[in-house]
Protein backbone atom coordinates (compact mmCIF):
# COMPACT_ATOMS: atom_id res chain seq x y z
CA MET A 1 -31.58 25.96 -18.66
CA LYS A 2 -28.46 23.92 -17.67
CA PHE A 3 -26.67 24.86 -14.42
CA HIS A 4 -22.97 25.57 -14.88
CA ILE A 5 -20.47 25.15 -12.27
CA ASP A 6 -17.60 27.57 -12.47
CA PRO A 7 -14.44 26.53 -10.54
CA ASP A 8 -13.32 30.18 -10.65
CA SER A 9 -16.38 31.48 -8.76
CA PHE A 10 -15.95 33.11 -5.55
CA GLY A 11 -16.83 29.97 -3.15
CA PHE A 12 -14.52 27.72 -5.03
CA LEU A 13 -11.65 30.30 -4.98
CA VAL A 14 -11.87 31.05 -1.32
CA ASN A 15 -12.12 27.40 -0.40
CA ASP A 16 -9.29 26.50 -2.65
CA VAL A 17 -7.00 29.18 -1.40
CA ALA A 18 -7.90 28.28 2.34
CA ARG A 19 -7.19 24.48 1.56
CA LEU A 20 -4.03 25.10 -0.38
CA THR A 21 -2.69 27.47 2.42
CA ARG A 22 -3.52 24.78 5.00
CA LEU A 23 -1.73 22.17 3.20
CA GLU A 24 1.45 24.26 2.54
CA MET A 25 1.40 25.34 6.39
CA ASP A 26 1.02 21.55 7.26
CA ARG A 27 4.05 20.87 5.16
CA ARG A 28 6.23 23.54 6.45
CA ILE A 29 5.22 22.96 10.20
CA GLU A 30 6.02 19.29 9.50
CA GLU A 31 9.46 20.17 8.08
CA ALA A 32 10.00 22.40 10.98
CA GLY A 33 9.39 19.44 13.48
CA LEU A 34 6.75 21.53 15.43
CA GLY A 35 4.60 18.54 15.88
CA PHE A 36 1.12 19.86 15.27
CA THR A 37 -1.50 20.37 12.57
CA THR A 38 -2.79 23.44 11.16
CA GLY A 39 -6.10 22.81 12.83
CA GLU A 40 -4.39 22.50 16.18
CA GLY A 41 -2.35 25.81 15.24
CA ARG A 42 -5.44 27.46 14.57
CA ALA A 43 -6.89 26.57 17.99
CA LEU A 44 -3.59 27.82 19.58
CA ILE A 45 -3.78 31.11 17.68
CA HIS A 46 -7.43 31.67 18.79
CA ILE A 47 -6.54 30.95 22.37
CA LYS A 48 -3.63 33.39 22.23
CA ARG A 49 -6.08 36.00 20.65
CA ALA A 50 -8.90 35.40 23.07
CA GLY A 51 -6.84 34.73 26.36
CA PRO A 52 -8.48 32.13 28.72
CA VAL A 53 -11.54 30.99 26.87
CA ARG A 54 -14.26 28.52 27.36
CA GLN A 55 -14.19 25.44 25.13
CA ASN A 56 -17.60 26.06 23.74
CA VAL A 57 -16.67 29.73 22.74
CA LEU A 58 -13.52 28.50 21.20
CA ALA A 59 -15.45 25.97 19.11
CA GLU A 60 -17.68 28.48 17.86
CA ARG A 61 -14.86 30.73 16.90
CA LEU A 62 -13.12 27.89 15.08
CA GLY A 63 -16.42 26.86 13.40
CA VAL A 64 -16.20 23.41 14.59
CA GLU A 65 -18.50 20.97 16.57
CA ALA A 66 -17.86 20.92 20.40
CA MET A 67 -16.67 17.29 20.16
CA THR A 68 -14.17 18.25 17.38
CA CYS A 69 -12.87 21.07 19.41
CA SER A 70 -12.48 18.75 22.56
CA THR A 71 -10.61 16.19 20.69
CA THR A 72 -8.23 18.86 19.28
CA LEU A 73 -7.81 20.26 22.84
CA ASP A 74 -7.16 16.81 24.10
CA ARG A 75 -4.20 16.57 21.63
CA LEU A 76 -2.86 20.08 22.56
CA GLU A 77 -3.15 19.37 26.22
CA ALA A 78 -1.06 16.08 25.84
CA LYS A 79 1.53 17.84 23.99
CA GLY A 80 1.77 20.39 26.80
CA PHE A 81 0.54 23.38 24.78
CA ILE A 82 -2.65 24.30 26.67
CA GLU A 83 -4.19 23.65 30.09
CA ARG A 84 -7.86 23.36 31.05
CA ARG A 85 -8.63 25.16 34.21
CA PRO A 86 -11.90 25.45 36.13
CA ASP A 87 -13.78 28.82 35.24
CA PRO A 88 -14.12 30.90 38.38
CA SER A 89 -17.49 32.22 37.17
CA ASP A 90 -19.00 28.73 36.39
CA ARG A 91 -17.62 25.48 38.16
CA ARG A 92 -19.14 23.26 35.41
CA ALA A 93 -17.03 25.11 32.71
CA LYS A 94 -13.47 24.84 31.78
CA LEU A 95 -11.13 27.68 30.52
CA VAL A 96 -8.53 26.89 28.01
CA VAL A 97 -5.17 28.72 28.48
CA LEU A 98 -1.93 28.67 26.72
CA THR A 99 1.08 27.20 28.56
CA ALA A 100 4.75 28.59 28.11
CA ALA A 101 5.17 25.65 25.52
CA GLY A 102 2.08 26.79 23.60
CA GLU A 103 3.35 30.43 23.64
CA ASP A 104 6.78 29.10 22.32
CA VAL A 105 5.38 27.09 19.52
CA ILE A 106 3.10 30.05 18.39
CA GLU A 107 6.40 32.21 18.30
CA ARG A 108 8.08 29.47 16.08
CA VAL A 109 5.24 29.16 13.65
CA GLY A 110 4.93 32.98 13.10
CA PRO A 111 7.98 33.02 10.65
CA ILE A 112 6.58 29.96 8.79
CA ALA A 113 3.23 31.67 8.36
CA ALA A 114 5.12 34.74 7.04
CA THR A 115 6.78 32.81 4.33
CA VAL A 116 3.65 31.26 3.29
CA ARG A 117 2.09 34.67 2.95
CA GLU A 118 5.02 35.90 1.03
CA ASP A 119 4.87 33.02 -1.34
CA ALA A 120 1.09 33.45 -1.82
CA ALA A 121 1.72 37.10 -2.79
CA LEU A 122 4.50 36.47 -5.37
CA GLY A 123 3.89 38.49 -8.45
CA LEU A 124 1.69 41.07 -6.64
CA SER A 125 2.78 44.43 -5.52
CA PRO A 126 2.57 45.44 -1.89
CA ALA A 127 -0.39 47.70 -2.94
CA GLU A 128 -2.08 44.82 -4.91
CA TRP A 129 -1.72 42.53 -1.95
CA GLU A 130 -3.23 45.14 0.52
CA THR A 131 -6.13 45.67 -1.78
CA PHE A 132 -6.64 41.94 -1.89
CA LEU A 133 -6.67 41.85 1.89
CA GLY A 134 -8.96 44.80 2.12
CA THR A 135 -11.36 43.23 -0.08
CA LEU A 136 -11.42 40.06 1.95
CA ARG A 137 -11.93 42.05 5.23
CA HIS A 138 -14.96 43.77 3.42
CA VAL A 139 -16.38 40.50 2.28
CA ARG A 140 -15.89 39.01 5.91
CA SER A 141 -17.65 42.10 7.47
CA THR A 142 -20.43 41.91 5.10
CA LEU A 143 -21.11 38.36 5.64
CA THR A 144 -20.81 38.59 9.38
CA GLY A 145 -23.19 41.39 9.33
CA ILE A 146 -25.74 39.32 7.29
CA ARG A 147 -25.18 36.35 9.71
CA GLU A 148 -25.75 38.55 12.84
CA SER A 149 -28.90 40.17 11.31
CA ALA A 150 -30.37 36.63 10.53
CA GLN A 151 -29.48 35.48 14.05
CA ALA A 152 -31.19 38.54 15.58
CA GLN A 153 -34.20 37.90 13.39
CA ALA A 154 -34.41 34.25 14.38
CA ARG A 155 -34.31 35.16 18.07
CA GLU A 156 -37.07 37.76 17.52
CA ASP A 157 -39.16 35.06 15.66
CA ALA A 158 -38.72 32.68 18.49
CA ALA A 159 -39.70 35.16 21.17
């Protein structure tokens, strides 16, 4: 039996939507002159959401390698959007915190993100859009649960 690749399958669709969203956000952020990429923006949003956070935790939340996260943080720090401070509970670790400039740029990107979401939802009723988001939340929750179960099993097997 010959394997058929369906470009409209779940994985392709999710990745295409994420890629197209990032590209559109990059374009609009550049047009607005905000001076950062969507990858840097994602890092800023995660820092805002988490509060002061260790670099290794941030890398895990972003789904990137520690070195990639460090490079992104170097750029954000050079732009004045974040600071790295010693972690009072572990002198070897650094906490990443937003600066006032970082808070400001997040506020400025909010309306841009809202217009991208509005454009993505064109042709859908508010109820259809909410159903779509609810479905994505369900899939995320299911996959998170599967991952957590697998990690717990791996820890048990290692013990």
